[in-house]
N, C-alpha and C. Protein backbone atom coordinates (compact mmCIF):
# COMPACT_ATOMS: atom_id res chain seq x y z
N MET A 1 0.97 -16.03 -34.05
CA MET A 1 0.65 -15.97 -32.65
C MET A 1 -0.86 -15.89 -32.46
N ALA A 2 -1.51 -15.04 -33.24
CA ALA A 2 -2.96 -14.87 -33.10
C ALA A 2 -3.70 -16.18 -33.34
N ALA A 3 -3.22 -16.97 -34.27
CA ALA A 3 -3.87 -18.25 -34.56
C ALA A 3 -3.83 -19.20 -33.37
N ASN A 4 -2.92 -18.95 -32.45
CA ASN A 4 -2.79 -19.78 -31.25
C ASN A 4 -3.28 -19.08 -29.99
N GLY A 5 -4.03 -17.98 -30.19
CA GLY A 5 -4.61 -17.27 -29.06
C GLY A 5 -3.62 -16.44 -28.26
N LEU A 6 -2.54 -16.03 -28.89
CA LEU A 6 -1.52 -15.23 -28.19
C LEU A 6 -1.53 -13.79 -28.69
N VAL A 7 -1.33 -12.88 -27.75
CA VAL A 7 -1.25 -11.46 -28.06
C VAL A 7 0.09 -10.94 -27.53
N PRO A 8 0.87 -10.25 -28.38
CA PRO A 8 2.14 -9.69 -27.89
C PRO A 8 1.88 -8.63 -26.83
N MET A 9 2.57 -8.76 -25.71
CA MET A 9 2.45 -7.78 -24.62
C MET A 9 3.65 -6.83 -24.64
N THR A 10 4.81 -7.37 -24.97
CA THR A 10 6.05 -6.59 -25.01
C THR A 10 6.89 -7.07 -26.17
N VAL A 11 7.43 -6.12 -26.91
CA VAL A 11 8.35 -6.46 -28.00
C VAL A 11 9.60 -5.60 -27.82
N LEU A 12 10.73 -6.24 -27.65
CA LEU A 12 12.00 -5.53 -27.49
C LEU A 12 12.92 -5.87 -28.65
N ASP A 13 13.50 -4.85 -29.24
CA ASP A 13 14.48 -5.06 -30.31
C ASP A 13 15.86 -5.15 -29.67
N LEU A 14 16.41 -6.34 -29.65
CA LEU A 14 17.72 -6.59 -29.03
C LEU A 14 18.85 -6.60 -30.06
N THR A 15 18.56 -6.13 -31.27
CA THR A 15 19.55 -6.14 -32.34
C THR A 15 20.84 -5.44 -31.94
N PRO A 16 20.80 -4.23 -31.35
CA PRO A 16 22.06 -3.58 -30.97
C PRO A 16 22.89 -4.40 -29.98
N THR A 17 22.22 -5.20 -29.17
CA THR A 17 22.91 -6.05 -28.20
C THR A 17 23.50 -7.28 -28.87
N ALA A 18 22.88 -7.75 -29.94
CA ALA A 18 23.35 -8.95 -30.63
C ALA A 18 24.59 -8.71 -31.47
N ILE A 19 24.75 -7.50 -31.98
CA ILE A 19 25.87 -7.20 -32.88
C ILE A 19 27.23 -7.47 -32.25
N PRO A 20 27.51 -7.02 -31.01
CA PRO A 20 28.82 -7.33 -30.41
C PRO A 20 29.08 -8.83 -30.26
N TYR A 21 28.02 -9.59 -29.99
CA TYR A 21 28.17 -11.05 -29.89
C TYR A 21 28.66 -11.62 -31.22
N TRP A 22 28.02 -11.22 -32.32
CA TRP A 22 28.39 -11.74 -33.63
C TRP A 22 29.76 -11.25 -34.07
N GLU A 23 30.15 -10.04 -33.65
CA GLU A 23 31.50 -9.54 -33.95
C GLU A 23 32.54 -10.40 -33.25
N LEU A 24 32.29 -10.71 -31.99
CA LEU A 24 33.21 -11.56 -31.23
C LEU A 24 33.25 -12.97 -31.81
N ARG A 25 32.10 -13.50 -32.13
CA ARG A 25 32.03 -14.85 -32.69
C ARG A 25 32.78 -14.93 -34.02
N ALA A 26 32.74 -13.87 -34.82
CA ALA A 26 33.43 -13.85 -36.12
C ALA A 26 34.94 -13.98 -35.95
N ARG A 27 35.46 -13.53 -34.80
CA ARG A 27 36.90 -13.59 -34.54
C ARG A 27 37.32 -14.88 -33.84
N SER A 28 36.35 -15.70 -33.47
CA SER A 28 36.63 -16.93 -32.75
C SER A 28 37.20 -18.00 -33.68
N SER A 29 38.01 -18.86 -33.11
CA SER A 29 38.52 -20.00 -33.88
C SER A 29 37.41 -21.01 -34.18
N LEU A 30 36.28 -20.85 -33.53
CA LEU A 30 35.14 -21.75 -33.73
C LEU A 30 34.11 -21.16 -34.69
N ALA A 31 34.44 -20.06 -35.36
CA ALA A 31 33.51 -19.43 -36.30
C ALA A 31 33.11 -20.44 -37.38
N THR A 32 31.86 -20.37 -37.79
CA THR A 32 31.33 -21.34 -38.76
C THR A 32 31.17 -20.78 -40.16
N GLY A 33 31.28 -19.46 -40.30
CA GLY A 33 31.10 -18.84 -41.61
C GLY A 33 29.79 -18.09 -41.76
N VAL A 34 28.86 -18.29 -40.84
CA VAL A 34 27.58 -17.58 -40.92
C VAL A 34 27.65 -16.20 -40.27
N GLU A 35 28.77 -15.92 -39.61
CA GLU A 35 28.88 -14.69 -38.83
C GLU A 35 28.77 -13.43 -39.69
N ASP A 36 29.50 -13.38 -40.79
CA ASP A 36 29.47 -12.18 -41.64
C ASP A 36 28.08 -11.91 -42.23
N PRO A 37 27.39 -12.92 -42.75
CA PRO A 37 26.02 -12.64 -43.24
C PRO A 37 25.09 -12.14 -42.14
N PHE A 38 25.21 -12.70 -40.93
CA PHE A 38 24.38 -12.22 -39.82
C PHE A 38 24.71 -10.77 -39.50
N LEU A 39 25.99 -10.45 -39.39
CA LEU A 39 26.39 -9.08 -39.10
C LEU A 39 25.90 -8.10 -40.16
N THR A 40 26.05 -8.48 -41.41
CA THR A 40 25.60 -7.62 -42.50
C THR A 40 24.10 -7.38 -42.39
N ALA A 41 23.34 -8.43 -42.18
CA ALA A 41 21.88 -8.30 -42.09
C ALA A 41 21.46 -7.44 -40.90
N TYR A 42 22.09 -7.64 -39.74
CA TYR A 42 21.78 -6.82 -38.57
C TYR A 42 22.09 -5.35 -38.85
N ARG A 43 23.25 -5.09 -39.40
CA ARG A 43 23.68 -3.70 -39.63
C ARG A 43 22.84 -3.01 -40.70
N GLU A 44 22.40 -3.75 -41.70
CA GLU A 44 21.58 -3.15 -42.77
C GLU A 44 20.11 -3.03 -42.38
N GLY A 45 19.73 -3.65 -41.29
CA GLY A 45 18.35 -3.57 -40.83
C GLY A 45 17.42 -4.56 -41.50
N SER A 46 17.97 -5.54 -42.20
CA SER A 46 17.12 -6.53 -42.86
C SER A 46 16.87 -7.75 -41.97
N PHE A 47 17.48 -7.76 -40.79
CA PHE A 47 17.34 -8.87 -39.85
C PHE A 47 17.29 -8.25 -38.46
N HIS A 48 16.37 -8.72 -37.62
CA HIS A 48 16.23 -8.17 -36.28
C HIS A 48 16.21 -9.30 -35.26
N TYR A 49 16.81 -9.04 -34.13
CA TYR A 49 16.81 -9.98 -33.01
C TYR A 49 15.77 -9.44 -32.03
N LEU A 50 14.62 -10.09 -31.96
CA LEU A 50 13.51 -9.60 -31.15
C LEU A 50 13.20 -10.53 -30.00
N LEU A 51 12.80 -9.91 -28.90
CA LEU A 51 12.25 -10.65 -27.76
C LEU A 51 10.77 -10.28 -27.72
N ILE A 52 9.92 -11.29 -27.84
CA ILE A 52 8.48 -11.05 -27.83
C ILE A 52 7.89 -11.81 -26.65
N ALA A 53 7.29 -11.07 -25.73
CA ALA A 53 6.57 -11.67 -24.61
C ALA A 53 5.09 -11.61 -24.95
N ALA A 54 4.43 -12.76 -24.91
CA ALA A 54 3.02 -12.82 -25.28
C ALA A 54 2.19 -13.44 -24.16
N ASP A 55 0.91 -13.15 -24.23
CA ASP A 55 -0.02 -13.69 -23.24
C ASP A 55 -1.18 -14.33 -23.98
N ARG A 56 -1.70 -15.39 -23.43
CA ARG A 56 -2.84 -16.07 -24.04
C ARG A 56 -4.11 -15.29 -23.71
N ILE A 57 -4.95 -15.10 -24.74
CA ILE A 57 -6.21 -14.38 -24.51
C ILE A 57 -7.37 -15.35 -24.39
């Protein structure tokens, strides 16, 4: 971001909100197989779903 003149103004960790989505998707008939690895990574803290709002300086 810095290389492009952007500075983070707000960073929100939406990981707790993403977990129910992936749990539901894992039970769907349209599941692709990536659901369990995503859930494991979110729950173990090795993967985060972040919202980053940045402003150009």
